[in-house]
Amino acid sequence: MLHGPSLAIGAIIASVSLMTIFLMFDNVTNESELVLEPTPELEQIGPQQITMETFLSNGSPILGDSNAKITLVEFGDYQCHFCNVFFHTTEDSVLENYVETGKVRMIFKDYNIIGPDSVNASHGAHCANDQGKFWEYHDILYSNWTGENNGWASSENLLRFAQELELNIDQWSQCMIEGIHSKTILASNEDAKKLELTGTPAFFVIGPDGKITRIFGAQPYDVFESIFEAELAK
């Protein structure tokens, strides 16, 4: 199932008040460079526009063995219901049986289609990545999901998640306030548009021979297993 179309922020610095921080969040969120426009209708995508970099760049650090035969790329929105369904029902089995065994490596890419909190959450994960905890922040975001645009991914909560992961809060906060990873997040969204994605989650399985298989929506584990096994058998 597909989630239809339904950005940075900041946090505290020790010497400023929470009220000042939340005002700073709002100011950064309203920067024009972070406003995502609806995905345009593309009549045709020339092969020169989509390269392997479209799948591998502007995303998370690799999860798993960097030399794994198969690459799984997920385009997701942290506020997306079906992204959360995948995280809770399928991802653990994929990680246990394929990523942790060195057969598959995984990359997460942002496709923010729901609201400003989606982009703010993406910034939180990328700023956590500066301290080596991208995937931990990714997991804590999905573990605290409660819906769309209802405040669970607010500035206050994103800060709390960083504290729970014992990040250097001054460093993380400065990263958020300055929007250091804005270009990466926007570039990932552009990659999604090049691939004509209209919803999340969307997955691409890249086999050892370079063959790319698309998986749309929060498909059950056996769909991923079937494709992985077919690619591993080559």
C-alpha atoms as a PDB file:
ATOM      1  CA  MET A   1       0.000   0.000   0.000  1.00  0.00           C
ATOM      2  CA  LEU A   2       1.204   3.496  -0.752  1.00  0.00           C
ATOM      3  CA  HIS A   3       1.026   6.517   1.436  1.00  0.00           C
ATOM      4  CA  GLY A   4      -0.250   9.389  -0.656  1.00  0.00           C
ATOM      5  CA  PRO A   5       1.152  12.914  -0.524  1.00  0.00           C
ATOM      6  CA  SER A   6      -0.616  14.213   2.523  1.00  0.00           C
ATOM      7  CA  LEU A   7      10.451  21.601   5.788  1.00  0.00           C
ATOM      8  CA  ALA A   8      15.014  23.229   9.272  1.00  0.00           C
ATOM      9  CA  ILE A   9      14.614  23.337  12.867  1.00  0.00           C
ATOM     10  CA  GLY A  10      16.742  23.734  15.945  1.00  0.00           C
ATOM     11  CA  ALA A  11      16.987  22.875  19.588  1.00  0.00           C
ATOM     12  CA  ILE A  12      18.452  24.336  22.717  1.00  0.00           C
ATOM     13  CA  ILE A  13      21.847  25.794  23.449  1.00  0.00           C
ATOM     14  CA  ALA A  14      22.622  25.601  27.142  1.00  0.00           C
ATOM     15  CA  SER A  15      22.640  29.342  27.644  1.00  0.00           C
ATOM     16  CA  VAL A  16      19.265  30.144  26.016  1.00  0.00           C
ATOM     17  CA  SER A  17      15.727  29.566  27.118  1.00  0.00           C
ATOM     18  CA  LEU A  18      13.336  27.032  25.616  1.00  0.00           C
ATOM     19  CA  MET A  19      11.112  29.850  24.332  1.00  0.00           C
ATOM     20  CA  THR A  20      13.992  31.382  22.412  1.00  0.00           C
ATOM     21  CA  ILE A  21      14.857  27.991  20.971  1.00  0.00           C
ATOM     22  CA  PHE A  22      11.383  27.227  19.719  1.00  0.00           C
ATOM     23  CA  LEU A  23      11.269  30.650  18.039  1.00  0.00           C
ATOM     24  CA  MET A  24      14.559  29.797  16.354  1.00  0.00           C
ATOM     25  CA  PHE A  25      13.077  26.495  15.207  1.00  0.00           C
ATOM     26  CA  ASP A  26      10.214  28.319  13.558  1.00  0.00           C
ATOM     27  CA  ASN A  27      12.500  30.800  11.871  1.00  0.00           C
ATOM     28  CA  VAL A  28      14.648  28.044  10.366  1.00  0.00           C
ATOM     29  CA  THR A  29      11.639  25.994   9.297  1.00  0.00           C
ATOM     30  CA  ASN A  30      10.327  28.929   7.296  1.00  0.00           C
ATOM     31  CA  GLU A  31      13.461  29.333   5.195  1.00  0.00           C
ATOM     32  CA  SER A  32      12.482  29.240   1.553  1.00  0.00           C
ATOM     33  CA  GLU A  33      15.131  26.687   0.624  1.00  0.00           C
ATOM     34  CA  LEU A  34      13.425  24.110   2.796  1.00  0.00           C
ATOM     35  CA  VAL A  35       9.955  24.401   1.279  1.00  0.00           C
ATOM     36  CA  LEU A  36       9.185  21.341  -0.789  1.00  0.00           C
ATOM     37  CA  GLU A  37       6.941  21.738  -3.781  1.00  0.00           C
ATOM     38  CA  PRO A  38       4.580  18.974  -4.911  1.00  0.00           C
ATOM     39  CA  THR A  39       6.166  16.323  -7.081  1.00  0.00           C
ATOM     40  CA  PRO A  40       5.877  17.492 -10.695  1.00  0.00           C
ATOM     41  CA  GLU A  41       4.411  15.260 -13.347  1.00  0.00           C
ATOM     42  CA  LEU A  42       7.254  13.967 -15.474  1.00  0.00           C
ATOM     43  CA  GLU A  43       6.420  12.954 -19.003  1.00  0.00           C
ATOM     44  CA  GLN A  44       9.649  11.089 -19.511  1.00  0.00           C
ATOM     45  CA  ILE A  45      12.853  10.529 -17.582  1.00  0.00           C
ATOM     46  CA  GLY A  46      15.887  10.120 -19.759  1.00  0.00           C
ATOM     47  CA  PRO A  47      18.337   7.421 -18.745  1.00  0.00           C
ATOM     48  CA  GLN A  48      21.009  10.064 -18.230  1.00  0.00           C
ATOM     49  CA  GLN A  49      19.007  11.509 -15.342  1.00  0.00           C
ATOM     50  CA  ILE A  50      18.961   8.325 -13.270  1.00  0.00           C
ATOM     51  CA  THR A  51      22.290   6.824 -12.300  1.00  0.00           C
ATOM     52  CA  MET A  52      23.446   4.645  -9.439  1.00  0.00           C
ATOM     53  CA  GLU A  53      24.132   7.864  -7.532  1.00  0.00           C
ATOM     54  CA  THR A  54      20.388   8.534  -7.575  1.00  0.00           C
ATOM     55  CA  PHE A  55      20.004   5.530  -5.292  1.00  0.00           C
ATOM     56  CA  LEU A  56      23.187   5.669  -3.241  1.00  0.00           C
ATOM     57  CA  SER A  57      23.882   9.381  -2.637  1.00  0.00           C
ATOM     58  CA  ASN A  58      22.208  11.875  -0.288  1.00  0.00           C
ATOM     59  CA  GLY A  59      21.125   9.212   2.152  1.00  0.00           C
ATOM     60  CA  SER A  60      22.030   7.526   5.388  1.00  0.00           C
ATOM     61  CA  PRO A  61      25.277   5.749   6.170  1.00  0.00           C
ATOM     62  CA  ILE A  62      25.239   2.135   5.048  1.00  0.00           C
ATOM     63  CA  LEU A  63      23.698  -0.272   7.516  1.00  0.00           C
ATOM     64  CA  GLY A  64      25.403  -3.664   7.277  1.00  0.00           C
ATOM     65  CA  ASP A  65      28.416  -4.928   5.367  1.00  0.00           C
ATOM     66  CA  SER A  66      29.479  -2.293   2.841  1.00  0.00           C
ATOM     67  CA  ASN A  67      30.557  -5.150   0.544  1.00  0.00           C
ATOM     68  CA  ALA A  68      27.221  -6.983   0.654  1.00  0.00           C
ATOM     69  CA  LYS A  69      26.057  -8.350  -2.700  1.00  0.00           C
ATOM     70  CA  ILE A  70      22.650  -6.684  -2.471  1.00  0.00           C
ATOM     71  CA  THR A  71      21.687  -3.096  -1.663  1.00  0.00           C
ATOM     72  CA  LEU A  72      18.248  -2.205  -0.276  1.00  0.00           C
ATOM     73  CA  VAL A  73      17.344   1.480  -0.608  1.00  0.00           C
ATOM     74  CA  GLU A  74      14.306   2.809   1.238  1.00  0.00           C
ATOM     75  CA  PHE A  75      12.733   6.186   0.494  1.00  0.00           C
ATOM     76  CA  GLY A  76      10.724   7.137   3.557  1.00  0.00           C
ATOM     77  CA  ASP A  77       9.021   9.905   5.521  1.00  0.00           C
ATOM     78  CA  TYR A  78       9.297   9.666   9.310  1.00  0.00           C
ATOM     79  CA  GLN A  79       5.643  10.720   9.666  1.00  0.00           C
ATOM     80  CA  CYS A  80       4.386   8.172   7.120  1.00  0.00           C
ATOM     81  CA  HIS A  81       1.970   5.566   8.514  1.00  0.00           C
ATOM     82  CA  PHE A  82       3.024   2.762   6.189  1.00  0.00           C
ATOM     83  CA  CYS A  83       6.731   3.529   6.704  1.00  0.00           C
ATOM     84  CA  ASN A  84       6.021   2.918  10.369  1.00  0.00           C
ATOM     85  CA  VAL A  85       4.171  -0.289   9.516  1.00  0.00           C
ATOM     86  CA  PHE A  86       7.233  -1.527   7.600  1.00  0.00           C
ATOM     87  CA  PHE A  87       9.520  -0.592  10.494  1.00  0.00           C
ATOM     88  CA  HIS A  88       7.475  -2.516  13.038  1.00  0.00           C
ATOM     89  CA  THR A  89       6.394  -5.546  11.001  1.00  0.00           C
ATOM     90  CA  THR A  90       9.103  -6.255   8.418  1.00  0.00           C
ATOM     91  CA  GLU A  91      12.360  -4.385   8.982  1.00  0.00           C
ATOM     92  CA  ASP A  92      13.520  -6.436  11.967  1.00  0.00           C
ATOM     93  CA  SER A  93      13.274  -9.668   9.949  1.00  0.00           C
ATOM     94  CA  VAL A  94      15.124  -8.104   7.016  1.00  0.00           C
ATOM     95  CA  LEU A  95      17.875  -6.938   9.352  1.00  0.00           C
ATOM     96  CA  GLU A  96      18.151 -10.227  11.214  1.00  0.00           C
ATOM     97  CA  ASN A  97      18.159 -12.527   8.192  1.00  0.00           C
ATOM     98  CA  TYR A  98      19.922 -10.470   5.548  1.00  0.00           C
ATOM     99  CA  VAL A  99      21.652  -7.320   6.855  1.00  0.00           C
ATOM    100  CA  GLU A 100      23.227  -8.802   9.983  1.00  0.00           C
ATOM    101  CA  THR A 101      24.337 -11.867   8.002  1.00  0.00           C
ATOM    102  CA  GLY A 102      26.220  -9.727   5.487  1.00  0.00           C
ATOM    103  CA  LYS A 103      23.988 -10.502   2.508  1.00  0.00           C
ATOM    104  CA  VAL A 104      22.255  -7.120   2.204  1.00  0.00           C
ATOM    105  CA  ARG A 105      23.302  -3.577   2.985  1.00  0.00           C
ATOM    106  CA  MET A 106      20.618  -0.938   3.622  1.00  0.00           C
ATOM    107  CA  ILE A 107      20.383   2.786   2.907  1.00  0.00           C
ATOM    108  CA  PHE A 108      17.577   5.133   4.019  1.00  0.00           C
ATOM    109  CA  LYS A 109      16.756   8.212   1.940  1.00  0.00           C
ATOM    110  CA  ASP A 110      14.413  11.055   2.803  1.00  0.00           C
ATOM    111  CA  TYR A 111      11.250  11.744   0.851  1.00  0.00           C
ATOM    112  CA  ASN A 112       9.374  14.360   2.885  1.00  0.00           C
ATOM    113  CA  ILE A 113       5.807  14.533   1.609  1.00  0.00           C
ATOM    114  CA  ILE A 114       3.670  15.030   4.711  1.00  0.00           C
ATOM    115  CA  GLY A 115       4.668  18.221   6.505  1.00  0.00           C
ATOM    116  CA  PRO A 116       7.337  20.389   8.155  1.00  0.00           C
ATOM    117  CA  ASP A 117       7.834  17.920  11.006  1.00  0.00           C
ATOM    118  CA  SER A 118       8.908  15.349   8.421  1.00  0.00           C
ATOM    119  CA  VAL A 119      11.818  17.550   7.397  1.00  0.00           C
ATOM    120  CA  ASN A 120      12.610  18.433  10.994  1.00  0.00           C
ATOM    121  CA  ALA A 121      12.805  14.728  11.842  1.00  0.00           C
ATOM    122  CA  SER A 122      15.114  14.150   8.878  1.00  0.00           C
ATOM    123  CA  HIS A 123      17.412  16.885  10.163  1.00  0.00           C
ATOM    124  CA  GLY A 124      17.416  15.254  13.576  1.00  0.00           C
ATOM    125  CA  ALA A 125      18.633  11.983  12.112  1.00  0.00           C
ATOM    126  CA  HIS A 126      21.321  13.595   9.963  1.00  0.00           C
ATOM    127  CA  CYS A 127      22.588  15.684  12.885  1.00  0.00           C
ATOM    128  CA  ALA A 128      22.716  12.502  14.958  1.00  0.00           C
ATOM    129  CA  ASN A 129      24.738  10.968  12.141  1.00  0.00           C
ATOM    130  CA  ASP A 130      27.436  13.585  12.795  1.00  0.00           C
ATOM    131  CA  GLN A 131      27.910  11.749  16.081  1.00  0.00           C
ATOM    132  CA  GLY A 132      27.669   8.270  14.582  1.00  0.00           C
ATOM    133  CA  LYS A 133      24.064   7.593  15.584  1.00  0.00           C
ATOM    134  CA  PHE A 134      21.970   7.985  12.451  1.00  0.00           C
ATOM    135  CA  TRP A 135      20.301   4.588  12.668  1.00  0.00           C
ATOM    136  CA  GLU A 136      19.693   4.896  16.403  1.00  0.00           C
ATOM    137  CA  TYR A 137      17.895   8.204  15.792  1.00  0.00           C
ATOM    138  CA  HIS A 138      16.038   6.710  12.830  1.00  0.00           C
ATOM    139  CA  ASP A 139      14.806   3.925  15.095  1.00  0.00           C
ATOM    140  CA  ILE A 140      13.768   6.193  17.947  1.00  0.00           C
ATOM    141  CA  LEU A 141      11.758   8.322  15.526  1.00  0.00           C
ATOM    142  CA  TYR A 142       9.740   5.384  14.243  1.00  0.00           C
ATOM    143  CA  SER A 143       9.431   3.924  17.732  1.00  0.00           C
ATOM    144  CA  ASN A 144       7.724   7.134  18.881  1.00  0.00           C
ATOM    145  CA  TRP A 145       5.430   7.590  15.869  1.00  0.00           C
ATOM    146  CA  THR A 146       1.835   8.411  16.773  1.00  0.00           C
ATOM    147  CA  GLY A 147       0.421   9.848  13.545  1.00  0.00           C
ATOM    148  CA  GLU A 148       0.773  12.643  11.029  1.00  0.00           C
ATOM    149  CA  ASN A 149       1.252  16.322  11.887  1.00  0.00           C
ATOM    150  CA  ASN A 150       0.061  15.794  15.451  1.00  0.00           C
ATOM    151  CA  GLY A 151       3.167  17.008  17.276  1.00  0.00           C
ATOM    152  CA  TRP A 152       5.028  13.800  18.078  1.00  0.00           C
ATOM    153  CA  ALA A 153       7.943  15.022  15.915  1.00  0.00           C
ATOM    154  CA  SER A 154       7.933  18.497  17.463  1.00  0.00           C
ATOM    155  CA  SER A 155      11.125  20.385  18.223  1.00  0.00           C
ATOM    156  CA  GLU A 156      10.752  19.536  21.901  1.00  0.00           C
ATOM    157  CA  ASN A 157      10.438  15.814  21.207  1.00  0.00           C
ATOM    158  CA  LEU A 158      13.275  15.750  18.693  1.00  0.00           C
ATOM    159  CA  LEU A 159      15.475  17.290  21.374  1.00  0.00           C
ATOM    160  CA  ARG A 160      14.286  14.707  23.889  1.00  0.00           C
ATOM    161  CA  PHE A 161      15.185  11.891  21.489  1.00  0.00           C
ATOM    162  CA  ALA A 162      18.704  13.318  21.139  1.00  0.00           C
ATOM    163  CA  GLN A 163      19.004  13.424  24.917  1.00  0.00           C
ATOM    164  CA  GLU A 164      17.802   9.833  25.260  1.00  0.00           C
ATOM    165  CA  LEU A 165      20.549   8.752  22.840  1.00  0.00           C
ATOM    166  CA  GLU A 166      23.086  10.692  24.934  1.00  0.00           C
ATOM    167  CA  LEU A 167      24.196  12.836  22.030  1.00  0.00           C
ATOM    168  CA  ASN A 168      26.307  15.930  22.582  1.00  0.00           C
ATOM    169  CA  ILE A 169      23.329  18.277  22.800  1.00  0.00           C
ATOM    170  CA  ASP A 170      25.256  21.471  22.083  1.00  0.00           C
ATOM    171  CA  GLN A 171      26.677  19.969  18.887  1.00  0.00           C
ATOM    172  CA  TRP A 172      23.371  18.438  17.825  1.00  0.00           C
ATOM    173  CA  SER A 173      21.473  21.654  18.575  1.00  0.00           C
ATOM    174  CA  GLN A 174      23.867  23.826  16.609  1.00  0.00           C
ATOM    175  CA  CYS A 175      23.572  21.442  13.670  1.00  0.00           C
ATOM    176  CA  MET A 176      19.782  21.717  13.817  1.00  0.00           C
ATOM    177  CA  ILE A 177      19.698  25.496  14.144  1.00  0.00           C
ATOM    178  CA  GLU A 178      22.087  25.999  11.232  1.00  0.00           C
ATOM    179  CA  GLY A 179      20.295  23.455   9.032  1.00  0.00           C
ATOM    180  CA  ILE A 180      23.634  21.961   8.087  1.00  0.00           C
ATOM    181  CA  HIS A 181      22.124  19.035   6.201  1.00  0.00           C
ATOM    182  CA  SER A 182      19.455  20.954   4.275  1.00  0.00           C
ATOM    183  CA  LYS A 183      21.108  20.383   0.901  1.00  0.00           C
ATOM    184  CA  THR A 184      21.414  16.647   1.477  1.00  0.00           C
ATOM    185  CA  ILE A 185      17.760  16.329   2.467  1.00  0.00           C
ATOM    186  CA  LEU A 186      16.541  18.386  -0.482  1.00  0.00           C
ATOM    187  CA  ALA A 187      18.790  16.439  -2.852  1.00  0.00           C
ATOM    188  CA  SER A 188      17.317  13.173  -1.577  1.00  0.00           C
ATOM    189  CA  ASN A 189      13.838  14.519  -2.255  1.00  0.00           C
ATOM    190  CA  GLU A 190      14.915  15.450  -5.774  1.00  0.00           C
ATOM    191  CA  ASP A 191      16.217  11.916  -6.262  1.00  0.00           C
ATOM    192  CA  ALA A 192      12.782  10.600  -5.297  1.00  0.00           C
ATOM    193  CA  LYS A 193      11.143  12.904  -7.815  1.00  0.00           C
ATOM    194  CA  LYS A 194      13.511  11.732 -10.558  1.00  0.00           C
ATOM    195  CA  LEU A 195      12.329   8.206  -9.795  1.00  0.00           C
ATOM    196  CA  GLU A 196       8.723   9.438 -10.073  1.00  0.00           C
ATOM    197  CA  LEU A 197       7.845   8.308  -6.581  1.00  0.00           C
ATOM    198  CA  THR A 198       4.385   9.397  -5.457  1.00  0.00           C
ATOM    199  CA  GLY A 199       4.299   7.838  -1.997  1.00  0.00           C
ATOM    200  CA  THR A 200       6.251   6.252   0.804  1.00  0.00           C
ATOM    201  CA  PRO A 201       7.696   3.864   1.610  1.00  0.00           C
ATOM    202  CA  ALA A 202       9.294   2.912  -1.682  1.00  0.00           C
ATOM    203  CA  PHE A 203      12.144   0.424  -1.969  1.00  0.00           C
ATOM    204  CA  PHE A 204      14.737  -0.431  -4.581  1.00  0.00           C
ATOM    205  CA  VAL A 205      16.669  -3.691  -4.466  1.00  0.00           C
ATOM    206  CA  ILE A 206      19.949  -3.481  -6.363  1.00  0.00           C
ATOM    207  CA  GLY A 207      21.320  -6.914  -7.197  1.00  0.00           C
ATOM    208  CA  PRO A 208      24.936  -8.010  -7.694  1.00  0.00           C
ATOM    209  CA  ASP A 209      24.535  -7.576 -11.459  1.00  0.00           C
ATOM    210  CA  GLY A 210      23.103  -4.080 -11.129  1.00  0.00           C
ATOM    211  CA  LYS A 211      19.517  -5.144 -11.749  1.00  0.00           C
ATOM    212  CA  ILE A 212      17.090  -2.896  -9.885  1.00  0.00           C
ATOM    213  CA  THR A 213      13.760  -4.167  -8.555  1.00  0.00           C
ATOM    214  CA  ARG A 214      11.116  -1.769  -7.228  1.00  0.00           C
ATOM    215  CA  ILE A 215       8.947  -2.533  -4.231  1.00  0.00           C
ATOM    216  CA  PHE A 216       6.164  -0.066  -3.494  1.00  0.00           C
ATOM    217  CA  GLY A 217       4.533   0.199  -0.100  1.00  0.00           C
ATOM    218  CA  ALA A 218       4.849  -1.693   3.175  1.00  0.00           C
ATOM    219  CA  GLN A 219       4.971  -5.136   1.616  1.00  0.00           C
ATOM    220  CA  PRO A 220       5.249  -8.197   3.865  1.00  0.00           C
ATOM    221  CA  TYR A 221       8.570  -9.832   4.634  1.00  0.00           C
ATOM    222  CA  ASP A 222       8.121 -12.686   2.151  1.00  0.00           C
ATOM    223  CA  VAL A 223       8.139 -10.203  -0.749  1.00  0.00           C
ATOM    224  CA  PHE A 224      11.584  -8.966   0.256  1.00  0.00           C
ATOM    225  CA  GLU A 225      12.780 -12.487   1.001  1.00  0.00           C
ATOM    226  CA  SER A 226      11.755 -13.755  -2.439  1.00  0.00           C
ATOM    227  CA  ILE A 227      13.618 -10.962  -4.240  1.00  0.00           C
ATOM    228  CA  PHE A 228      16.714 -11.267  -2.043  1.00  0.00           C
ATOM    229  CA  GLU A 229      16.923 -15.022  -2.566  1.00  0.00           C
ATOM    230  CA  ALA A 230      16.534 -14.691  -6.317  1.00  0.00           C
ATOM    231  CA  GLU A 231      19.370 -12.130  -6.433  1.00  0.00           C
ATOM    232  CA  LEU A 232      21.617 -14.175  -4.153  1.00  0.00           C
ATOM    233  CA  ALA A 233      21.149 -17.218  -6.374  1.00  0.00           C
ATOM    234  CA  LYS A 234      22.717 -15.451  -9.352  1.00  0.00           C
END
